[in-house]
C-alpha atoms as a PDB file:
ATOM      1  CA  MET A   1     125.101 142.025  26.097  1.00  0.00           C
ATOM      2  CA  THR A   2     125.936 139.896  28.917  1.00  0.00           C
ATOM      3  CA  THR A   3     129.051 137.718  28.613  1.00  0.00           C
ATOM      4  CA  PRO A   4     128.171 134.060  29.726  1.00  0.00           C
ATOM      5  CA  ILE A   5     130.194 132.441  32.407  1.00  0.00           C
ATOM      6  CA  ARG A   6     131.335 129.461  30.616  1.00  0.00           C
ATOM      7  CA  ILE A   7     131.692 126.408  32.792  1.00  0.00           C
ATOM      8  CA  ILE A   8     132.994 122.807  31.954  1.00  0.00           C
ATOM      9  CA  SER A   9     131.898 120.019  34.285  1.00  0.00           C
ATOM     10  CA  SER A  10     131.741 116.101  34.490  1.00  0.00           C
ATOM     11  CA  MET A  11     128.680 114.347  33.632  1.00  0.00           C
ATOM     12  CA  ALA A  12     127.935 113.573  37.334  1.00  0.00           C
ATOM     13  CA  THR A  13     126.853 117.120  38.026  1.00  0.00           C
ATOM     14  CA  LYS A  14     125.228 117.921  34.714  1.00  0.00           C
ATOM     15  CA  ALA A  15     121.562 117.814  35.537  1.00  0.00           C
ATOM     16  CA  LEU A  16     122.186 119.524  38.774  1.00  0.00           C
ATOM     17  CA  LEU A  17     124.168 122.312  37.200  1.00  0.00           C
ATOM     18  CA  ALA A  18     121.484 122.999  34.653  1.00  0.00           C
ATOM     19  CA  ASP A  19     119.097 123.548  37.566  1.00  0.00           C
ATOM     20  CA  LEU A  20     121.388 125.671  39.451  1.00  0.00           C
ATOM     21  CA  ALA A  21     122.316 127.756  36.568  1.00  0.00           C
ATOM     22  CA  ARG A  22     118.643 128.444  35.987  1.00  0.00           C
ATOM     23  CA  LEU A  23     118.135 129.332  39.683  1.00  0.00           C
ATOM     24  CA  TYR A  24     121.158 131.696  39.557  1.00  0.00           C
ATOM     25  CA  GLU A  25     120.050 133.395  36.222  1.00  0.00           C
ATOM     26  CA  ALA A  26     116.636 134.001  37.816  1.00  0.00           C
ATOM     27  CA  GLN A  27     117.865 135.817  40.905  1.00  0.00           C
ATOM     28  CA  SER A  28     120.701 137.460  38.849  1.00  0.00           C
ATOM     29  CA  PRO A  29     118.851 138.835  35.822  1.00  0.00           C
ATOM     30  CA  ASP A  30     122.151 140.290  34.313  1.00  0.00           C
ATOM     31  CA  SER A  31     123.799 137.042  34.383  1.00  0.00           C
ATOM     32  CA  ALA A  32     124.208 134.096  31.912  1.00  0.00           C
ATOM     33  CA  VAL A  33     125.679 130.699  32.479  1.00  0.00           C
ATOM     34  CA  GLN A  34     126.664 128.335  29.672  1.00  0.00           C
ATOM     35  CA  ILE A  35     127.720 124.715  30.758  1.00  0.00           C
ATOM     36  CA  GLU A  36     129.327 121.979  28.735  1.00  0.00           C
ATOM     37  CA  SER A  37     129.115 118.609  30.550  1.00  0.00           C
ATOM     38  CA  VAL A  38     131.581 115.828  29.399  1.00  0.00           C
ATOM     39  CA  GLY A  39     133.257 112.793  30.984  1.00  0.00           C
ATOM     40  CA  GLY A  40     135.528 113.953  33.938  1.00  0.00           C
ATOM     41  CA  VAL A  41     138.797 112.794  32.481  1.00  0.00           C
ATOM     42  CA  ASP A  42     138.215 114.653  29.104  1.00  0.00           C
ATOM     43  CA  ALA A  43     137.183 117.715  31.084  1.00  0.00           C
ATOM     44  CA  ALA A  44     140.447 117.893  33.202  1.00  0.00           C
ATOM     45  CA  GLN A  45     142.656 117.032  30.209  1.00  0.00           C
ATOM     46  CA  ARG A  46     140.914 119.867  28.192  1.00  0.00           C
ATOM     47  CA  VAL A  47     141.566 122.427  31.117  1.00  0.00           C
ATOM     48  CA  GLN A  48     144.932 121.104  31.423  1.00  0.00           C
ATOM     49  CA  ALA A  49     145.727 121.751  27.898  1.00  0.00           C
ATOM     50  CA  GLY A  50     144.750 125.396  28.378  1.00  0.00           C
ATOM     51  CA  GLU A  51     141.348 125.490  26.758  1.00  0.00           C
ATOM     52  CA  ALA A  52     139.565 128.621  27.996  1.00  0.00           C
ATOM     53  CA  PHE A  53     136.663 128.412  30.459  1.00  0.00           C
ATOM     54  CA  ASP A  54     135.561 130.670  33.262  1.00  0.00           C
ATOM     55  CA  CYS A  55     134.848 127.962  35.657  1.00  0.00           C
ATOM     56  CA  VAL A  56     135.609 124.237  36.174  1.00  0.00           C
ATOM     57  CA  VAL A  57     133.282 121.909  38.319  1.00  0.00           C
ATOM     58  CA  LEU A  58     134.801 118.390  38.980  1.00  0.00           C
ATOM     59  CA  ALA A  59     135.706 115.890  41.728  1.00  0.00           C
ATOM     60  CA  SER A  60     137.727 117.700  44.306  1.00  0.00           C
ATOM     61  CA  ASN A  61     140.876 115.495  43.717  1.00  0.00           C
ATOM     62  CA  ALA A  62     140.865 116.583  39.978  1.00  0.00           C
ATOM     63  CA  ILE A  63     140.408 120.109  40.918  1.00  0.00           C
ATOM     64  CA  ASP A  64     143.219 120.083  43.418  1.00  0.00           C
ATOM     65  CA  LYS A  65     145.407 118.795  40.607  1.00  0.00           C
ATOM     66  CA  LEU A  66     144.619 121.558  38.280  1.00  0.00           C
ATOM     67  CA  LEU A  67     145.121 123.933  41.112  1.00  0.00           C
ATOM     68  CA  SER A  68     148.644 122.421  41.621  1.00  0.00           C
ATOM     69  CA  SER A  69     149.461 122.679  38.005  1.00  0.00           C
ATOM     70  CA  GLY A  70     148.394 126.394  37.970  1.00  0.00           C
ATOM     71  CA  LYS A  71     145.460 125.993  35.658  1.00  0.00           C
ATOM     72  CA  LEU A  72     143.014 127.147  38.308  1.00  0.00           C
ATOM     73  CA  VAL A  73     143.147 130.328  40.572  1.00  0.00           C
ATOM     74  CA  ALA A  74     144.667 129.701  43.845  1.00  0.00           C
ATOM     75  CA  ASP A  75     142.293 129.361  46.772  1.00  0.00           C
ATOM     76  CA  SER A  76     139.261 129.657  44.644  1.00  0.00           C
ATOM     77  CA  ARG A  77     137.918 125.879  45.180  1.00  0.00           C
ATOM     78  CA  VAL A  78     134.332 125.987  46.651  1.00  0.00           C
ATOM     79  CA  ASP A  79     133.008 122.484  47.640  1.00  0.00           C
ATOM     80  CA  LEU A  80     129.367 122.215  46.130  1.00  0.00           C
ATOM     81  CA  VAL A  81     128.064 118.668  46.871  1.00  0.00           C
ATOM     82  CA  HIS A  82     128.895 115.149  48.235  1.00  0.00           C
ATOM     83  CA  SER A  83     127.912 112.290  45.841  1.00  0.00           C
ATOM     84  CA  SER A  84     127.248 108.693  46.718  1.00  0.00           C
ATOM     85  CA  VAL A  85     127.550 105.469  44.539  1.00  0.00           C
ATOM     86  CA  ALA A  86     124.401 103.503  43.914  1.00  0.00           C
ATOM     87  CA  VAL A  87     123.924 100.005  42.238  1.00  0.00           C
ATOM     88  CA  ALA A  88     121.535  99.216  39.453  1.00  0.00           C
ATOM     89  CA  VAL A  89     120.254  96.168  37.284  1.00  0.00           C
ATOM     90  CA  PRO A  90     118.276  96.372  34.057  1.00  0.00           C
ATOM     91  CA  ALA A  91     114.557  96.751  34.773  1.00  0.00           C
ATOM     92  CA  SER A  92     113.809  93.218  33.699  1.00  0.00           C
ATOM     93  CA  ALA A  93     116.323  91.586  35.965  1.00  0.00           C
ATOM     94  CA  PRO A  94     115.990  90.085  39.502  1.00  0.00           C
ATOM     95  CA  CYS A  95     117.109  92.380  42.283  1.00  0.00           C
ATOM     96  CA  PRO A  96     119.843  90.969  44.296  1.00  0.00           C
ATOM     97  CA  ASP A  97     120.427  91.868  47.983  1.00  0.00           C
ATOM     98  CA  ILE A  98     123.059  94.648  48.313  1.00  0.00           C
ATOM     99  CA  SER A  99     122.057  95.559  51.985  1.00  0.00           C
ATOM    100  CA  THR A 100     125.208  94.384  53.472  1.00  0.00           C
ATOM    101  CA  GLU A 101     128.856  94.312  52.277  1.00  0.00           C
ATOM    102  CA  GLU A 102     128.987  90.513  52.206  1.00  0.00           C
ATOM    103  CA  ALA A 103     125.643  90.565  50.242  1.00  0.00           C
ATOM    104  CA  LEU A 104     127.045  93.065  47.765  1.00  0.00           C
ATOM    105  CA  LYS A 105     130.273  91.028  47.357  1.00  0.00           C
ATOM    106  CA  GLN A 106     128.014  87.890  46.589  1.00  0.00           C
ATOM    107  CA  ALA A 107     125.988  89.952  44.065  1.00  0.00           C
ATOM    108  CA  VAL A 108     129.272  91.022  42.231  1.00  0.00           C
ATOM    109  CA  LEU A 109     130.545  87.480  42.086  1.00  0.00           C
ATOM    110  CA  GLN A 110     127.197  86.164  40.647  1.00  0.00           C
ATOM    111  CA  ALA A 111     126.737  88.948  38.137  1.00  0.00           C
ATOM    112  CA  ALA A 112     127.252  87.949  34.593  1.00  0.00           C
ATOM    113  CA  SER A 113     128.858  91.324  33.818  1.00  0.00           C
ATOM    114  CA  ILE A 114     129.571  94.520  35.746  1.00  0.00           C
ATOM    115  CA  GLY A 115     129.409  98.223  34.636  1.00  0.00           C
ATOM    116  CA  TYR A 116     131.520 100.894  36.125  1.00  0.00           C
ATOM    117  CA  SER A 117     132.533 104.483  35.390  1.00  0.00           C
ATOM    118  CA  THR A 118     135.760 106.205  34.416  1.00  0.00           C
ATOM    119  CA  GLY A 119     135.446 108.617  37.279  1.00  0.00           C
ATOM    120  CA  PRO A 120     136.707 108.450  40.859  1.00  0.00           C
ATOM    121  CA  SER A 121     133.875 106.051  41.927  1.00  0.00           C
ATOM    122  CA  GLY A 122     135.019 103.587  39.349  1.00  0.00           C
ATOM    123  CA  THR A 123     138.559 103.708  40.614  1.00  0.00           C
ATOM    124  CA  GLU A 124     137.307 103.232  44.257  1.00  0.00           C
ATOM    125  CA  LEU A 125     135.104 100.410  43.146  1.00  0.00           C
ATOM    126  CA  LEU A 126     138.166  98.450  41.625  1.00  0.00           C
ATOM    127  CA  LYS A 127     140.076  99.129  44.884  1.00  0.00           C
ATOM    128  CA  GLN A 128     137.306  97.432  46.667  1.00  0.00           C
ATOM    129  CA  PHE A 129     137.332  94.365  44.622  1.00  0.00           C
ATOM    130  CA  GLU A 130     141.108  94.049  45.451  1.00  0.00           C
ATOM    131  CA  LYS A 131     140.258  94.385  49.143  1.00  0.00           C
ATOM    132  CA  TRP A 132     137.676  91.523  48.741  1.00  0.00           C
ATOM    133  CA  GLY A 133     140.273  89.498  46.794  1.00  0.00           C
ATOM    134  CA  ILE A 134     138.065  88.925  43.817  1.00  0.00           C
ATOM    135  CA  THR A 135     139.718  90.945  41.122  1.00  0.00           C
ATOM    136  CA  ALA A 136     140.956  87.839  39.361  1.00  0.00           C
ATOM    137  CA  GLN A 137     137.406  86.354  39.454  1.00  0.00           C
ATOM    138  CA  VAL A 138     135.558  89.386  38.217  1.00  0.00           C
ATOM    139  CA  GLN A 139     138.217  90.887  35.759  1.00  0.00           C
ATOM    140  CA  ALA A 140     136.829  89.202  32.509  1.00  0.00           C
ATOM    141  CA  LYS A 141     133.242  90.476  33.218  1.00  0.00           C
ATOM    142  CA  LEU A 142     134.051  94.125  33.929  1.00  0.00           C
ATOM    143  CA  MET A 143     133.057  96.785  31.433  1.00  0.00           C
ATOM    144  CA  GLN A 144     134.283 100.375  31.870  1.00  0.00           C
ATOM    145  CA  ALA A 145     131.808 102.861  30.457  1.00  0.00           C
ATOM    146  CA  GLN A 146     133.479 105.208  28.009  1.00  0.00           C
ATOM    147  CA  PRO A 147     133.901 108.895  29.009  1.00  0.00           C
ATOM    148  CA  GLY A 148     130.643 110.702  28.750  1.00  0.00           C
ATOM    149  CA  ILE A 149     128.663 107.308  28.630  1.00  0.00           C
ATOM    150  CA  ALA A 150     126.597 106.509  31.618  1.00  0.00           C
ATOM    151  CA  VAL A 151     126.576 103.227  33.049  1.00  0.00           C
ATOM    152  CA  GLY A 152     122.736 103.455  33.298  1.00  0.00           C
ATOM    153  CA  ALA A 153     122.815 103.397  29.412  1.00  0.00           C
ATOM    154  CA  LEU A 154     124.843 100.208  29.567  1.00  0.00           C
ATOM    155  CA  LEU A 155     122.279  98.597  31.829  1.00  0.00           C
ATOM    156  CA  ALA A 156     119.171  99.737  29.925  1.00  0.00           C
ATOM    157  CA  GLN A 157     120.738  98.309  26.640  1.00  0.00           C
ATOM    158  CA  GLY A 158     121.406  94.943  28.521  1.00  0.00           C
ATOM    159  CA  ARG A 159     125.116  95.393  27.877  1.00  0.00           C
ATOM    160  CA  VAL A 160     125.838  94.724  31.709  1.00  0.00           C
ATOM    161  CA  ALA A 161     123.920  93.046  34.336  1.00  0.00           C
ATOM    162  CA  LEU A 162     124.986  94.880  37.445  1.00  0.00           C
ATOM    163  CA  GLY A 163     126.086  98.657  37.202  1.00  0.00           C
ATOM    164  CA  PHE A 164     127.886 101.046  39.826  1.00  0.00           C
ATOM    165  CA  GLN A 165     127.634 104.825  39.119  1.00  0.00           C
ATOM    166  CA  GLN A 166     127.051 108.044  41.067  1.00  0.00           C
ATOM    167  CA  LEU A 167     123.471 108.117  42.221  1.00  0.00           C
ATOM    168  CA  SER A 168     122.984 111.591  40.629  1.00  0.00           C
ATOM    169  CA  GLU A 169     123.843 110.102  37.215  1.00  0.00           C
ATOM    170  CA  ILE A 170     121.822 106.740  37.531  1.00  0.00           C
ATOM    171  CA  MET A 171     118.580 107.855  39.020  1.00  0.00           C
ATOM    172  CA  GLY A 172     115.855 108.477  36.741  1.00  0.00           C
ATOM    173  CA  VAL A 173     117.277 106.594  33.934  1.00  0.00           C
ATOM    174  CA  ALA A 174     114.506 104.596  31.958  1.00  0.00           C
ATOM    175  CA  GLY A 175     114.934 100.847  31.604  1.00  0.00           C
ATOM    176  CA  ILE A 176     116.898 100.189  34.996  1.00  0.00           C
ATOM    177  CA  THR A 177     116.096  99.515  38.612  1.00  0.00           C
ATOM    178  CA  VAL A 178     118.111 101.370  41.175  1.00  0.00           C
ATOM    179  CA  LEU A 179     118.722  98.830  43.953  1.00  0.00           C
ATOM    180  CA  GLY A 180     119.911 101.652  46.369  1.00  0.00           C
ATOM    181  CA  PRO A 181     123.315 103.079  47.638  1.00  0.00           C
ATOM    182  CA  LEU A 182     126.283 100.991  48.475  1.00  0.00           C
ATOM    183  CA  PRO A 183     126.224  99.657  52.080  1.00  0.00           C
ATOM    184  CA  GLU A 184     127.868 102.243  54.453  1.00  0.00           C
ATOM    185  CA  ALA A 185     130.817 100.048  55.101  1.00  0.00           C
ATOM    186  CA  VAL A 186     131.921 100.395  51.452  1.00  0.00           C
ATOM    187  CA  GLN A 187     130.333 103.546  50.286  1.00  0.00           C
ATOM    188  CA  VAL A 188     132.359 105.801  48.165  1.00  0.00           C
ATOM    189  CA  THR A 189     131.726 109.410  48.625  1.00  0.00           C
ATOM    190  CA  THR A 190     133.004 112.088  46.001  1.00  0.00           C
ATOM    191  CA  THR A 191     133.012 115.835  46.705  1.00  0.00           C
ATOM    192  CA  PHE A 192     132.473 117.754  43.622  1.00  0.00           C
ATOM    193  CA  SER A 193     133.884 121.418  43.761  1.00  0.00           C
ATOM    194  CA  GLY A 194     134.093 124.489  41.625  1.00  0.00           C
ATOM    195  CA  SER A 195     136.936 126.696  40.949  1.00  0.00           C
ATOM    196  CA  VAL A 196     137.837 129.746  38.907  1.00  0.00           C
ATOM    197  CA  SER A 197     139.931 129.101  35.710  1.00  0.00           C
ATOM    198  CA  VAL A 198     143.040 131.318  35.106  1.00  0.00           C
ATOM    199  CA  THR A 199     141.837 131.776  31.570  1.00  0.00           C
ATOM    200  CA  SER A 200     138.645 133.740  32.954  1.00  0.00           C
ATOM    201  CA  ALA A 201     138.283 137.426  32.531  1.00  0.00           C
ATOM    202  CA  GLN A 202     135.286 137.377  34.968  1.00  0.00           C
ATOM    203  CA  ALA A 203     136.771 135.848  38.060  1.00  0.00           C
ATOM    204  CA  SER A 204     134.721 137.965  40.412  1.00  0.00           C
ATOM    205  CA  ALA A 205     131.415 136.963  38.749  1.00  0.00           C
ATOM    206  CA  VAL A 206     132.355 133.323  38.866  1.00  0.00           C
ATOM    207  CA  GLN A 207     133.210 133.619  42.611  1.00  0.00           C
ATOM    208  CA  ALA A 208     129.758 135.127  43.188  1.00  0.00           C
ATOM    209  CA  LEU A 209     128.124 132.293  41.208  1.00  0.00           C
ATOM    210  CA  LEU A 210     130.011 129.659  43.120  1.00  0.00           C
ATOM    211  CA  ARG A 211     129.085 131.238  46.579  1.00  0.00           C
ATOM    212  CA  PHE A 212     125.535 131.152  45.615  1.00  0.00           C
ATOM    213  CA  TRP A 213     125.713 127.555  44.467  1.00  0.00           C
ATOM    214  CA  ALA A 214     127.325 126.568  47.740  1.00  0.00           C
ATOM    215  CA  SER A 215     124.657 128.436  49.919  1.00  0.00           C
ATOM    216  CA  PRO A 216     121.850 127.098  51.836  1.00  0.00           C
ATOM    217  CA  ALA A 217     119.305 128.249  49.076  1.00  0.00           C
ATOM    218  CA  THR A 218     120.490 125.532  46.822  1.00  0.00           C
ATOM    219  CA  ALA A 219     120.238 122.612  49.310  1.00  0.00           C
ATOM    220  CA  ALA A 220     116.809 121.300  48.237  1.00  0.00           C
ATOM    221  CA  ILE A 221     117.749 121.246  44.655  1.00  0.00           C
ATOM    222  CA  LYS A 222     120.794 119.170  45.348  1.00  0.00           C
ATOM    223  CA  GLN A 223     118.834 116.726  47.377  1.00  0.00           C
ATOM    224  CA  ARG A 224     116.359 116.225  44.438  1.00  0.00           C
ATOM    225  CA  HIS A 225     119.250 115.125  42.422  1.00  0.00           C
ATOM    226  CA  GLY A 226     120.517 112.513  44.939  1.00  0.00           C
ATOM    227  CA  LEU A 227     123.251 114.705  46.260  1.00  0.00           C
ATOM    228  CA  GLN A 228     124.165 116.182  49.516  1.00  0.00           C
ATOM    229  CA  ALA A 229     125.283 119.800  50.183  1.00  0.00           C
ATOM    230  CA  ALA A 230     128.836 120.082  50.951  1.00  0.00           C
END
């Protein structure tokens, strides 16, 4: 019986990895892939604590920290996709202009409430507010989604009026309108990478999987999920 390749990932790549796993299993009939997608912070903490997985797929900075702490096999990092941040509002709400940096800043200032994620995009968004000098003005209306909870869900439930999250996570969510990506001048791009866990007994199989997932054969699937091949 085939031993599944056990993977832990962040929510940003959940849908993508599900499709990539099916594609890999179709072209490698003797393989099986099992993926658990949770909040990125939670995933990193579980790997850091020594929980056994074969492969870890997270933002590249999180992968690098786990590599540095010896939780992942040295030199096993494979960059898979680049992910951009998008902006959305509840489906019933007016659509503010976000086409330029200044327009986006005004939309943030005028929003009654703002949702953002616990991941790297959320951290960078707060830094951008600091650069604009508006942190004090918006602090009281910020709502950070809990790990594993999508900002899109907060928007759909009417809990926030303006939301920021990876396009791959927010596209296709019912009950919201995606306004588009952040303006290029302030766009936050996150690279998601995979690496072999030191707890894995099938490192060669994981490396083969990651090579395939990084190959040109997967570029179209990545694009469908709002991601760019790394």
